[in-house]
C-alpha atoms as a PDB file:
ATOM      1  CA  MET A   1       0.138   0.210  -0.074  1.00  0.00           C
ATOM      2  CA  ASN A   2       1.210   3.566  -0.806  1.00  0.00           C
ATOM      3  CA  LEU A   3       3.133   5.697   1.683  1.00  0.00           C
ATOM      4  CA  TYR A   4       2.097   9.447   1.803  1.00  0.00           C
ATOM      5  CA  LEU A   5       4.044  11.974   3.560  1.00  0.00           C
ATOM      6  CA  SER A   6       2.446  15.411   4.598  1.00  0.00           C
ATOM      7  CA  ALA A   7       3.633  18.473   6.601  1.00  0.00           C
ATOM      8  CA  ASP A   8       2.145  21.750   8.080  1.00  0.00           C
ATOM      9  CA  ILE A   9       4.812  24.160   8.305  1.00  0.00           C
ATOM     10  CA  GLY A  10       4.188  27.206  10.551  1.00  0.00           C
ATOM     11  CA  GLY A  11       6.321  29.736  11.910  1.00  0.00           C
ATOM     12  CA  THR A  12       6.162  28.096  15.305  1.00  0.00           C
ATOM     13  CA  ARG A  13       5.388  24.356  14.885  1.00  0.00           C
ATOM     14  CA  THR A  14       6.166  21.986  11.900  1.00  0.00           C
ATOM     15  CA  ARG A  15       3.918  19.109  11.961  1.00  0.00           C
ATOM     16  CA  LEU A  16       4.634  15.913   9.971  1.00  0.00           C
ATOM     17  CA  SER A  17       2.532  12.708   9.343  1.00  0.00           C
ATOM     18  CA  LEU A  18       3.354   9.570   7.391  1.00  0.00           C
ATOM     19  CA  ALA A  19       0.401   7.340   6.260  1.00  0.00           C
ATOM     20  CA  ARG A  20       0.020   3.966   4.631  1.00  0.00           C
ATOM     21  CA  GLY A  21      -3.102   4.628   2.855  1.00  0.00           C
ATOM     22  CA  ASP A  22      -5.525   5.998   5.228  1.00  0.00           C
ATOM     23  CA  THR A  23      -3.574   4.599   8.366  1.00  0.00           C
ATOM     24  CA  VAL A  24      -1.141   6.989   9.915  1.00  0.00           C
ATOM     25  CA  VAL A  25       2.238   5.345  10.496  1.00  0.00           C
ATOM     26  CA  LEU A  26       3.808   8.165  12.559  1.00  0.00           C
ATOM     27  CA  GLU A  27       2.810  11.858  13.458  1.00  0.00           C
ATOM     28  CA  LYS A  28       5.276  14.275  15.169  1.00  0.00           C
ATOM     29  CA  SER A  29       5.567  17.933  15.717  1.00  0.00           C
ATOM     30  CA  PHE A  30       8.877  19.966  15.601  1.00  0.00           C
ATOM     31  CA  PRO A  31       9.895  23.491  16.866  1.00  0.00           C
ATOM     32  CA  SER A  32      10.337  25.088  13.592  1.00  0.00           C
ATOM     33  CA  ALA A  33      12.895  27.676  14.733  1.00  0.00           C
ATOM     34  CA  ALA A  34      15.196  25.109  15.990  1.00  0.00           C
ATOM     35  CA  TYR A  35      16.151  23.578  12.430  1.00  0.00           C
ATOM     36  CA  ALA A  36      18.045  25.536   9.668  1.00  0.00           C
ATOM     37  CA  GLY A  37      15.525  24.136   6.969  1.00  0.00           C
ATOM     38  CA  LEU A  38      12.795  21.782   6.356  1.00  0.00           C
ATOM     39  CA  ASP A  39      14.948  19.077   4.756  1.00  0.00           C
ATOM     40  CA  GLU A  40      16.629  18.657   8.252  1.00  0.00           C
ATOM     41  CA  ILE A  41      13.006  17.950   9.919  1.00  0.00           C
ATOM     42  CA  VAL A  42      12.040  15.733   7.237  1.00  0.00           C
ATOM     43  CA  ALA A  43      15.280  13.685   7.489  1.00  0.00           C
ATOM     44  CA  GLU A  44      14.991  13.265  11.111  1.00  0.00           C
ATOM     45  CA  PHE A  45      11.329  12.233  10.885  1.00  0.00           C
ATOM     46  CA  LEU A  46      11.767   9.759   8.232  1.00  0.00           C
ATOM     47  CA  HIS A  47      14.769   8.088  10.075  1.00  0.00           C
ATOM     48  CA  GLU A  48      12.539   7.827  13.181  1.00  0.00           C
ATOM     49  CA  ALA A  49       9.617   6.295  10.959  1.00  0.00           C
ATOM     50  CA  GLY A  50      11.848   3.797   9.258  1.00  0.00           C
ATOM     51  CA  ALA A  51       9.833   4.596   6.170  1.00  0.00           C
ATOM     52  CA  GLY A  52       9.932   2.616   2.927  1.00  0.00           C
ATOM     53  CA  GLU A  53       9.355   4.217  -0.526  1.00  0.00           C
ATOM     54  CA  ILE A  54       7.155   7.196  -0.547  1.00  0.00           C
ATOM     55  CA  SER A  55       4.628   7.598  -3.265  1.00  0.00           C
ATOM     56  CA  SER A  56       3.619  11.374  -2.744  1.00  0.00           C
ATOM     57  CA  ALA A  57       4.253  14.375  -0.378  1.00  0.00           C
ATOM     58  CA  CYS A  58       2.590  17.459   0.174  1.00  0.00           C
ATOM     59  CA  PHE A  59       4.048  20.174   2.409  1.00  0.00           C
ATOM     60  CA  ALA A  60       1.675  23.287   3.492  1.00  0.00           C
ATOM     61  CA  LEU A  61       3.747  26.305   3.900  1.00  0.00           C
ATOM     62  CA  ALA A  62       2.822  29.586   5.717  1.00  0.00           C
ATOM     63  CA  GLY A  63       2.982  32.304   2.910  1.00  0.00           C
ATOM     64  CA  PRO A  64       2.288  32.666  -0.708  1.00  0.00           C
ATOM     65  CA  VAL A  65       3.277  29.600  -2.683  1.00  0.00           C
ATOM     66  CA  GLU A  66       4.134  30.125  -6.450  1.00  0.00           C
ATOM     67  CA  GLY A  67       6.198  27.574  -8.342  1.00  0.00           C
ATOM     68  CA  ARG A  68       8.411  24.892  -6.731  1.00  0.00           C
ATOM     69  CA  LEU A  69      10.664  27.162  -4.820  1.00  0.00           C
ATOM     70  CA  VAL A  70       9.362  29.076  -1.740  1.00  0.00           C
ATOM     71  CA  HIS A  71      10.598  31.571   0.782  1.00  0.00           C
ATOM     72  CA  LEU A  72       8.587  31.380   3.856  1.00  0.00           C
ATOM     73  CA  THR A  73       6.903  34.776   5.266  1.00  0.00           C
ATOM     74  CA  ASN A  74       7.723  33.920   9.209  1.00  0.00           C
ATOM     75  CA  LEU A  75      10.733  31.571   8.807  1.00  0.00           C
ATOM     76  CA  PRO A  76      14.140  32.104   7.224  1.00  0.00           C
ATOM     77  CA  TRP A  77      13.681  28.979   5.225  1.00  0.00           C
ATOM     78  CA  GLU A  78      13.792  28.517   1.440  1.00  0.00           C
ATOM     79  CA  VAL A  79      11.677  25.229   0.530  1.00  0.00           C
ATOM     80  CA  ASP A  80      12.680  23.722  -2.794  1.00  0.00           C
ATOM     81  CA  ALA A  81      10.131  21.013  -4.077  1.00  0.00           C
ATOM     82  CA  ASP A  82      12.409  19.541  -6.452  1.00  0.00           C
ATOM     83  CA  ALA A  83      15.278  19.241  -4.145  1.00  0.00           C
ATOM     84  CA  LEU A  84      13.307  17.543  -1.634  1.00  0.00           C
ATOM     85  CA  ALA A  85      12.079  15.148  -4.321  1.00  0.00           C
ATOM     86  CA  SER A  86      15.560  14.213  -5.140  1.00  0.00           C
ATOM     87  CA  ARG A  87      16.950  13.869  -1.738  1.00  0.00           C
ATOM     88  CA  PHE A  88      14.267  11.714  -0.353  1.00  0.00           C
ATOM     89  CA  SER A  89      13.368   9.855  -3.638  1.00  0.00           C
ATOM     90  CA  ILE A  90       9.887  11.138  -3.550  1.00  0.00           C
ATOM     91  CA  PRO A  91       8.353  10.901  -7.248  1.00  0.00           C
ATOM     92  CA  ARG A  92       5.651  13.604  -6.704  1.00  0.00           C
ATOM     93  CA  VAL A  93       6.281  16.655  -4.099  1.00  0.00           C
ATOM     94  CA  ALA A  94       3.501  19.326  -3.931  1.00  0.00           C
ATOM     95  CA  LEU A  95       3.812  22.539  -2.112  1.00  0.00           C
ATOM     96  CA  ILE A  96       0.568  24.615  -1.229  1.00  0.00           C
ATOM     97  CA  ASN A  97      -0.456  27.418   0.953  1.00  0.00           C
ATOM     98  CA  ASP A  98      -0.884  26.495   4.679  1.00  0.00           C
ATOM     99  CA  PHE A  99      -4.635  27.745   4.550  1.00  0.00           C
ATOM    100  CA  GLN A 100      -5.209  25.930   1.186  1.00  0.00           C
ATOM    101  CA  ALA A 101      -4.202  22.782   3.000  1.00  0.00           C
ATOM    102  CA  ALA A 102      -6.571  23.885   5.905  1.00  0.00           C
ATOM    103  CA  GLY A 103      -9.353  24.302   3.267  1.00  0.00           C
ATOM    104  CA  HIS A 104      -8.752  20.749   2.063  1.00  0.00           C
ATOM    105  CA  GLY A 105      -8.827  19.603   5.926  1.00  0.00           C
ATOM    106  CA  ILE A 106     -12.238  20.852   6.365  1.00  0.00           C
ATOM    107  CA  ALA A 107     -13.860  17.821   4.726  1.00  0.00           C
ATOM    108  CA  ALA A 108     -11.954  15.480   6.952  1.00  0.00           C
ATOM    109  CA  LEU A 109     -13.139  17.058  10.294  1.00  0.00           C
ATOM    110  CA  HIS A 110     -15.676  15.359  12.616  1.00  0.00           C
ATOM    111  CA  VAL A 111     -18.561  17.179  14.239  1.00  0.00           C
ATOM    112  CA  ASP A 112     -16.823  17.212  17.716  1.00  0.00           C
ATOM    113  CA  ASP A 113     -13.768  18.998  15.803  1.00  0.00           C
ATOM    114  CA  LEU A 114     -16.124  22.091  15.615  1.00  0.00           C
ATOM    115  CA  LEU A 115     -17.522  24.727  18.007  1.00  0.00           C
ATOM    116  CA  THR A 116     -20.527  26.422  16.429  1.00  0.00           C
ATOM    117  CA  LEU A 117     -20.945  30.079  17.323  1.00  0.00           C
ATOM    118  CA  GLN A 118     -23.787  30.700  14.833  1.00  0.00           C
ATOM    119  CA  ALA A 119     -25.781  27.962  13.349  1.00  0.00           C
ATOM    120  CA  GLY A 120     -27.018  30.177  10.696  1.00  0.00           C
ATOM    121  CA  GLN A 121     -29.080  28.746   7.513  1.00  0.00           C
ATOM    122  CA  PRO A 122     -26.369  26.768   5.758  1.00  0.00           C
ATOM    123  CA  GLU A 123     -26.751  26.214   2.062  1.00  0.00           C
ATOM    124  CA  PRO A 124     -24.599  24.427  -0.572  1.00  0.00           C
ATOM    125  CA  GLY A 125     -22.162  26.954  -1.733  1.00  0.00           C
ATOM    126  CA  SER A 126     -18.599  28.593  -0.968  1.00  0.00           C
ATOM    127  CA  ARG A 127     -16.875  28.266   2.269  1.00  0.00           C
ATOM    128  CA  LEU A 128     -14.240  30.498   4.041  1.00  0.00           C
ATOM    129  CA  VAL A 129     -11.447  29.360   6.189  1.00  0.00           C
ATOM    130  CA  LEU A 130      -9.268  31.785   8.265  1.00  0.00           C
ATOM    131  CA  GLY A 131      -7.240  31.714  11.323  1.00  0.00           C
ATOM    132  CA  ALA A 132      -4.457  33.377  13.268  1.00  0.00           C
ATOM    133  CA  GLY A 133      -1.500  31.635  14.586  1.00  0.00           C
ATOM    134  CA  THR A 134       2.151  33.103  13.867  1.00  0.00           C
ATOM    135  CA  GLY A 135       0.529  34.991  10.841  1.00  0.00           C
ATOM    136  CA  LEU A 136      -3.011  35.372   9.677  1.00  0.00           C
ATOM    137  CA  GLY A 137      -4.383  32.922   6.925  1.00  0.00           C
ATOM    138  CA  VAL A 138      -7.288  33.043   4.602  1.00  0.00           C
ATOM    139  CA  ALA A 139      -8.481  30.660   2.058  1.00  0.00           C
ATOM    140  CA  TRP A 140     -11.850  30.293  -0.045  1.00  0.00           C
ATOM    141  CA  LEU A 141     -13.518  27.242  -1.154  1.00  0.00           C
ATOM    142  CA  THR A 142     -16.018  26.960  -4.075  1.00  0.00           C
ATOM    143  CA  PRO A 143     -18.028  23.835  -4.927  1.00  0.00           C
ATOM    144  CA  ALA A 144     -16.527  21.720  -7.947  1.00  0.00           C
ATOM    145  CA  HIS A 145     -18.615  18.853  -8.710  1.00  0.00           C
ATOM    146  CA  SER A 146     -18.971  16.571  -5.715  1.00  0.00           C
ATOM    147  CA  ASP A 147     -15.963  18.318  -3.933  1.00  0.00           C
ATOM    148  CA  TYR A 148     -14.704  21.827  -3.283  1.00  0.00           C
ATOM    149  CA  LYS A 149     -11.803  23.663  -5.175  1.00  0.00           C
ATOM    150  CA  VAL A 150      -9.596  25.563  -2.665  1.00  0.00           C
ATOM    151  CA  HIS A 151      -8.441  29.207  -3.486  1.00  0.00           C
ATOM    152  CA  PRO A 152      -5.502  30.342  -1.462  1.00  0.00           C
ATOM    153  CA  SER A 153      -5.303  33.953  -0.425  1.00  0.00           C
ATOM    154  CA  GLU A 154      -3.241  36.529   1.423  1.00  0.00           C
ATOM    155  CA  GLY A 155      -6.090  38.349   2.925  1.00  0.00           C
ATOM    156  CA  GLY A 156      -4.548  38.489   6.184  1.00  0.00           C
ATOM    157  CA  HIS A 157      -2.612  41.474   4.759  1.00  0.00           C
ATOM    158  CA  ILE A 158      -5.561  43.370   4.126  1.00  0.00           C
ATOM    159  CA  ASP A 159      -5.397  47.027   5.762  1.00  0.00           C
ATOM    160  CA  PHE A 160      -6.514  47.183   9.395  1.00  0.00           C
ATOM    161  CA  ALA A 161      -9.813  49.192   9.672  1.00  0.00           C
ATOM    162  CA  PRO A 162     -10.051  50.470  13.347  1.00  0.00           C
ATOM    163  CA  ALA A 163     -13.690  50.658  14.575  1.00  0.00           C
ATOM    164  CA  ASP A 164     -13.479  52.814  17.675  1.00  0.00           C
ATOM    165  CA  ASP A 165     -11.052  55.450  19.336  1.00  0.00           C
ATOM    166  CA  THR A 166      -9.049  52.764  21.039  1.00  0.00           C
ATOM    167  CA  GLN A 167      -8.459  50.949  17.743  1.00  0.00           C
ATOM    168  CA  TYR A 168      -7.489  54.305  15.930  1.00  0.00           C
ATOM    169  CA  ALA A 169      -5.004  54.836  18.663  1.00  0.00           C
ATOM    170  CA  LEU A 170      -3.493  51.309  18.226  1.00  0.00           C
ATOM    171  CA  LEU A 171      -3.409  51.789  14.417  1.00  0.00           C
ATOM    172  CA  ARG A 172      -1.448  54.948  14.894  1.00  0.00           C
ATOM    173  CA  TYR A 173       1.023  53.097  17.344  1.00  0.00           C
ATOM    174  CA  LEU A 174       1.636  50.417  14.940  1.00  0.00           C
ATOM    175  CA  GLN A 175       1.938  52.779  12.030  1.00  0.00           C
ATOM    176  CA  GLN A 176       4.939  54.418  13.798  1.00  0.00           C
ATOM    177  CA  ARG A 177       6.588  50.869  13.802  1.00  0.00           C
ATOM    178  CA  HIS A 178       5.642  49.378  10.539  1.00  0.00           C
ATOM    179  CA  GLY A 179       4.163  51.932   8.293  1.00  0.00           C
ATOM    180  CA  HIS A 180       1.616  49.725   6.621  1.00  0.00           C
ATOM    181  CA  VAL A 181      -0.502  48.120   9.239  1.00  0.00           C
ATOM    182  CA  SER A 182      -2.364  44.857   8.087  1.00  0.00           C
ATOM    183  CA  TYR A 183      -4.903  42.598  10.128  1.00  0.00           C
ATOM    184  CA  GLU A 184      -2.072  40.164  10.715  1.00  0.00           C
ATOM    185  CA  ARG A 185      -0.099  42.800  12.616  1.00  0.00           C
ATOM    186  CA  ILE A 186      -2.782  42.531  15.255  1.00  0.00           C
ATOM    187  CA  VAL A 187      -4.769  39.306  14.562  1.00  0.00           C
ATOM    188  CA  SER A 188      -1.771  36.814  15.355  1.00  0.00           C
ATOM    189  CA  GLY A 189       0.359  35.841  18.042  1.00  0.00           C
ATOM    190  CA  PRO A 190       2.894  38.596  17.543  1.00  0.00           C
ATOM    191  CA  GLY A 191      -0.281  40.828  17.292  1.00  0.00           C
ATOM    192  CA  LEU A 192      -1.436  39.890  20.692  1.00  0.00           C
ATOM    193  CA  VAL A 193       1.977  40.984  21.953  1.00  0.00           C
ATOM    194  CA  ALA A 194       1.714  44.276  19.984  1.00  0.00           C
ATOM    195  CA  ILE A 195      -1.821  45.082  21.540  1.00  0.00           C
ATOM    196  CA  PHE A 196      -0.305  44.288  24.815  1.00  0.00           C
ATOM    197  CA  GLU A 197       2.688  46.763  24.243  1.00  0.00           C
ATOM    198  CA  PHE A 198       0.337  49.523  22.811  1.00  0.00           C
ATOM    199  CA  LEU A 199      -1.722  49.326  26.241  1.00  0.00           C
ATOM    200  CA  ARG A 200       1.288  49.467  28.357  1.00  0.00           C
ATOM    201  CA  ASP A 201       3.228  52.138  26.446  1.00  0.00           C
ATOM    202  CA  SER A 202      -0.062  54.286  26.066  1.00  0.00           C
ATOM    203  CA  GLY A 203      -0.447  54.191  29.618  1.00  0.00           C
ATOM    204  CA  ARG A 204      -3.822  52.502  29.609  1.00  0.00           C
ATOM    205  CA  GLU A 205      -2.912  49.357  31.717  1.00  0.00           C
ATOM    206  CA  GLN A 206       0.316  48.346  33.475  1.00  0.00           C
ATOM    207  CA  PRO A 207       1.547  44.681  33.789  1.00  0.00           C
ATOM    208  CA  SER A 208       2.666  43.063  37.040  1.00  0.00           C
ATOM    209  CA  PRO A 209       6.254  41.796  37.411  1.00  0.00           C
ATOM    210  CA  GLN A 210       4.934  38.121  37.535  1.00  0.00           C
ATOM    211  CA  LEU A 211       3.156  38.664  33.924  1.00  0.00           C
ATOM    212  CA  LEU A 212       6.485  40.446  32.524  1.00  0.00           C
ATOM    213  CA  ALA A 213       8.369  37.254  33.780  1.00  0.00           C
ATOM    214  CA  ALA A 214       6.032  34.689  32.233  1.00  0.00           C
ATOM    215  CA  MET A 215       6.264  36.581  28.869  1.00  0.00           C
ATOM    216  CA  ALA A 216       9.928  36.929  29.039  1.00  0.00           C
ATOM    217  CA  THR A 217      10.684  33.077  29.983  1.00  0.00           C
ATOM    218  CA  GLY A 218       8.227  31.517  27.376  1.00  0.00           C
ATOM    219  CA  ASP A 219       5.691  31.933  24.594  1.00  0.00           C
ATOM    220  CA  ALA A 220       4.822  35.728  25.394  1.00  0.00           C
ATOM    221  CA  ALA A 221       1.382  35.387  23.306  1.00  0.00           C
ATOM    222  CA  ALA A 222       0.411  32.005  25.284  1.00  0.00           C
ATOM    223  CA  ALA A 223       1.489  33.993  28.578  1.00  0.00           C
ATOM    224  CA  LEU A 224      -0.831  36.740  27.771  1.00  0.00           C
ATOM    225  CA  THR A 225      -3.934  34.194  26.987  1.00  0.00           C
ATOM    226  CA  GLN A 226      -3.448  32.250  30.024  1.00  0.00           C
ATOM    227  CA  ALA A 227      -3.260  35.307  32.464  1.00  0.00           C
ATOM    228  CA  ALA A 228      -6.290  36.821  30.693  1.00  0.00           C
ATOM    229  CA  GLU A 229      -8.289  33.437  31.054  1.00  0.00           C
ATOM    230  CA  HIS A 230      -6.829  32.255  34.488  1.00  0.00           C
ATOM    231  CA  GLY A 231      -5.189  35.289  36.219  1.00  0.00           C
ATOM    232  CA  GLY A 232      -6.068  38.682  37.617  1.00  0.00           C
ATOM    233  CA  GLU A 233      -4.221  40.560  35.140  1.00  0.00           C
ATOM    234  CA  PRO A 234      -6.424  43.702  33.761  1.00  0.00           C
ATOM    235  CA  ILE A 235      -3.847  44.132  30.903  1.00  0.00           C
ATOM    236  CA  ALA A 236      -4.088  40.756  29.790  1.00  0.00           C
ATOM    237  CA  ARG A 237      -7.919  40.733  29.809  1.00  0.00           C
ATOM    238  CA  HIS A 238      -8.038  43.958  27.983  1.00  0.00           C
ATOM    239  CA  THR A 239      -5.290  42.623  25.404  1.00  0.00           C
ATOM    240  CA  LEU A 240      -7.410  39.604  24.582  1.00  0.00           C
ATOM    241  CA  ALA A 241     -10.770  41.361  24.485  1.00  0.00           C
ATOM    242  CA  LEU A 242      -9.345  43.830  21.868  1.00  0.00           C
ATOM    243  CA  PHE A 243      -7.737  41.003  19.947  1.00  0.00           C
ATOM    244  CA  ILE A 244     -11.031  39.173  19.831  1.00  0.00           C
ATOM    245  CA  ALA A 245     -13.040  42.318  18.898  1.00  0.00           C
ATOM    246  CA  ILE A 246     -10.699  42.864  15.762  1.00  0.00           C
ATOM    247  CA  TYR A 247     -10.567  39.230  14.902  1.00  0.00           C
ATOM    248  CA  GLY A 248     -14.480  39.002  14.769  1.00  0.00           C
ATOM    249  CA  ALA A 249     -14.559  42.289  12.809  1.00  0.00           C
ATOM    250  CA  PHE A 250     -12.031  40.821  10.215  1.00  0.00           C
ATOM    251  CA  ALA A 251     -14.153  37.814   9.947  1.00  0.00           C
ATOM    252  CA  GLY A 252     -16.959  39.672   9.223  1.00  0.00           C
ATOM    253  CA  ASN A 253     -15.377  41.780   6.685  1.00  0.00           C
ATOM    254  CA  LEU A 254     -14.350  38.640   4.816  1.00  0.00           C
ATOM    255  CA  ALA A 255     -17.825  37.008   5.133  1.00  0.00           C
ATOM    256  CA  LEU A 256     -19.377  40.207   3.298  1.00  0.00           C
ATOM    257  CA  ALA A 257     -16.707  39.873   0.534  1.00  0.00           C
ATOM    258  CA  ALA A 258     -17.312  35.911   0.043  1.00  0.00           C
ATOM    259  CA  LEU A 259     -20.836  35.378   1.050  1.00  0.00           C
ATOM    260  CA  PRO A 260     -20.016  31.864   2.314  1.00  0.00           C
ATOM    261  CA  ARG A 261     -23.255  30.124   2.584  1.00  0.00           C
ATOM    262  CA  GLY A 262     -21.491  26.994   3.125  1.00  0.00           C
ATOM    263  CA  GLY A 263     -19.882  28.110   6.385  1.00  0.00           C
ATOM    264  CA  ILE A 264     -17.035  30.198   7.916  1.00  0.00           C
ATOM    265  CA  TYR A 265     -14.339  28.026   9.622  1.00  0.00           C
ATOM    266  CA  VAL A 266     -12.143  30.020  12.058  1.00  0.00           C
ATOM    267  CA  ALA A 267      -8.914  27.749  12.297  1.00  0.00           C
ATOM    268  CA  GLY A 268      -5.334  28.610  13.153  1.00  0.00           C
ATOM    269  CA  GLY A 269      -3.244  27.800  16.136  1.00  0.00           C
ATOM    270  CA  ILE A 270      -4.959  30.279  18.484  1.00  0.00           C
ATOM    271  CA  ALA A 271      -8.621  29.955  18.040  1.00  0.00           C
ATOM    272  CA  ALA A 272      -8.801  26.434  19.651  1.00  0.00           C
ATOM    273  CA  LYS A 273      -6.775  27.515  22.515  1.00  0.00           C
ATOM    274  CA  ILE A 274      -9.170  30.505  23.313  1.00  0.00           C
ATOM    275  CA  ALA A 275     -12.353  28.769  22.094  1.00  0.00           C
ATOM    276  CA  SER A 276     -14.149  29.601  25.519  1.00  0.00           C
ATOM    277  CA  ALA A 277     -13.263  33.310  25.366  1.00  0.00           C
ATOM    278  CA  LEU A 278     -14.524  33.373  21.440  1.00  0.00           C
ATOM    279  CA  GLN A 279     -17.817  31.767  22.613  1.00  0.00           C
ATOM    280  CA  GLN A 280     -18.523  34.370  25.261  1.00  0.00           C
ATOM    281  CA  GLY A 281     -19.951  36.751  22.535  1.00  0.00           C
ATOM    282  CA  ASP A 282     -17.663  39.552  21.700  1.00  0.00           C
ATOM    283  CA  PHE A 283     -16.285  37.685  18.513  1.00  0.00           C
ATOM    284  CA  LEU A 284     -19.848  37.086  17.213  1.00  0.00           C
ATOM    285  CA  ARG A 285     -20.901  40.627  18.191  1.00  0.00           C
ATOM    286  CA  ASN A 286     -18.090  42.305  16.130  1.00  0.00           C
ATOM    287  CA  PHE A 287     -18.471  39.773  13.406  1.00  0.00           C
ATOM    288  CA  LEU A 288     -22.112  40.868  12.975  1.00  0.00           C
ATOM    289  CA  ASP A 289     -21.642  44.644  13.654  1.00  0.00           C
ATOM    290  CA  LYS A 290     -21.960  45.629   9.817  1.00  0.00           C
ATOM    291  CA  GLY A 291     -24.866  48.008  10.026  1.00  0.00           C
ATOM    292  CA  ARG A 292     -27.520  47.227   7.407  1.00  0.00           C
ATOM    293  CA  PHE A 293     -25.937  43.843   6.757  1.00  0.00           C
ATOM    294  CA  LYS A 294     -26.048  42.377  10.183  1.00  0.00           C
ATOM    295  CA  GLY A 295     -29.162  40.315   9.112  1.00  0.00           C
ATOM    296  CA  LEU A 296     -27.371  38.792   6.161  1.00  0.00           C
ATOM    297  CA  LEU A 297     -24.340  37.881   8.455  1.00  0.00           C
ATOM    298  CA  GLN A 298     -26.801  36.283  10.704  1.00  0.00           C
ATOM    299  CA  THR A 299     -27.512  33.599   7.930  1.00  0.00           C
ATOM    300  CA  LEU A 300     -23.912  32.308   7.747  1.00  0.00           C
ATOM    301  CA  PRO A 301     -22.944  29.493   9.728  1.00  0.00           C
ATOM    302  CA  LEU A 302     -19.809  30.176  11.885  1.00  0.00           C
ATOM    303  CA  HIS A 303     -17.556  27.628  13.362  1.00  0.00           C
ATOM    304  CA  ILE A 304     -14.455  27.613  15.512  1.00  0.00           C
ATOM    305  CA  VAL A 305     -12.147  24.613  14.364  1.00  0.00           C
ATOM    306  CA  LEU A 306     -11.125  22.815  17.552  1.00  0.00           C
ATOM    307  CA  ASN A 307      -8.773  20.282  15.549  1.00  0.00           C
ATOM    308  CA  GLU A 308      -5.424  22.114  15.407  1.00  0.00           C
ATOM    309  CA  GLN A 309      -4.250  19.481  12.961  1.00  0.00           C
ATOM    310  CA  VAL A 310      -6.561  20.688  10.146  1.00  0.00           C
ATOM    311  CA  GLY A 311      -3.794  21.899   8.031  1.00  0.00           C
ATOM    312  CA  LEU A 312      -1.901  18.533   8.341  1.00  0.00           C
ATOM    313  CA  LEU A 313      -5.293  16.756   7.583  1.00  0.00           C
ATOM    314  CA  GLY A 314      -5.689  18.727   4.509  1.00  0.00           C
ATOM    315  CA  ALA A 315      -2.058  18.086   3.342  1.00  0.00           C
ATOM    316  CA  ALA A 316      -2.511  14.627   3.660  1.00  0.00           C
ATOM    317  CA  VAL A 317      -5.609  14.683   1.616  1.00  0.00           C
ATOM    318  CA  TYR A 318      -4.025  16.689  -1.002  1.00  0.00           C
ATOM    319  CA  ALA A 319      -1.096  14.090  -1.097  1.00  0.00           C
ATOM    320  CA  ARG A 320      -3.581  11.078  -1.352  1.00  0.00           C
ATOM    321  CA  LYS A 321      -5.292  12.969  -4.256  1.00  0.00           C
ATOM    322  CA  GLY A 322      -2.365  13.153  -6.575  1.00  0.00           C
ATOM    323  CA  GLU A 323      -3.449  16.418  -7.725  1.00  0.00           C
END
């Protein structure tokens, strides 16, 4: 039976899976920044798996994918499909965008992989997948016969549109740093930290020494979300609330552009970790806050993807399709 290699490469983690047909042989996650390139991770993974001849591979990459040679957005890596095929003797190696992979993975999800924020009125039609992690990914799906065609996008780099005085001040703060401010500068792991720094530097809130120590010694974004959900840190709660409000507004903007009557799926590395906070209402409230079009948006199904492996699932689907 054929062996298929799939990988979901993000700025923080690189996940690999080896399957014989539909049966997973080995699945493992690696810290991306600890390796000089993808080939090092693949070599270590295949050595551990003791794999035989691989029929097909698909690598899902965070960033725009054009051609067979890709420079990643949030990692100093160059991924060469032909070099990987040659080094590991794989007849077919495909490179796709990470949210294109997530789009393929939607069909492989189970009911308990989803948290529904709004049931809406689902109809056969297009779907939208978006999600924040190290970056902010977006993909559209359109019906194609009995399946869906997945369209990659760089929608995370759309201009940030502030909705109130605090958000206008955040925009000006980030413009001084970056010039152009996209949603990805805010709706992402680094964006959470940027919101925190804005609140601190503008004098709106001040962190405790304990929070600063937690942020300095580990994943700063994770420390913020943990403090917001479990601690007594006002600045962390304010940071997460602002993040969720802007995240919801961004999802609503994309929904107006695509009218995805087949559903909106919020994936990425952050959504599953803060699912309870997303469920409390501010995400949906800001998603719907589109004036005269609130009623239209209320008809669209909206789900949080709880399975953080959706991109890896999609890469595996793509590898097996032999597209």
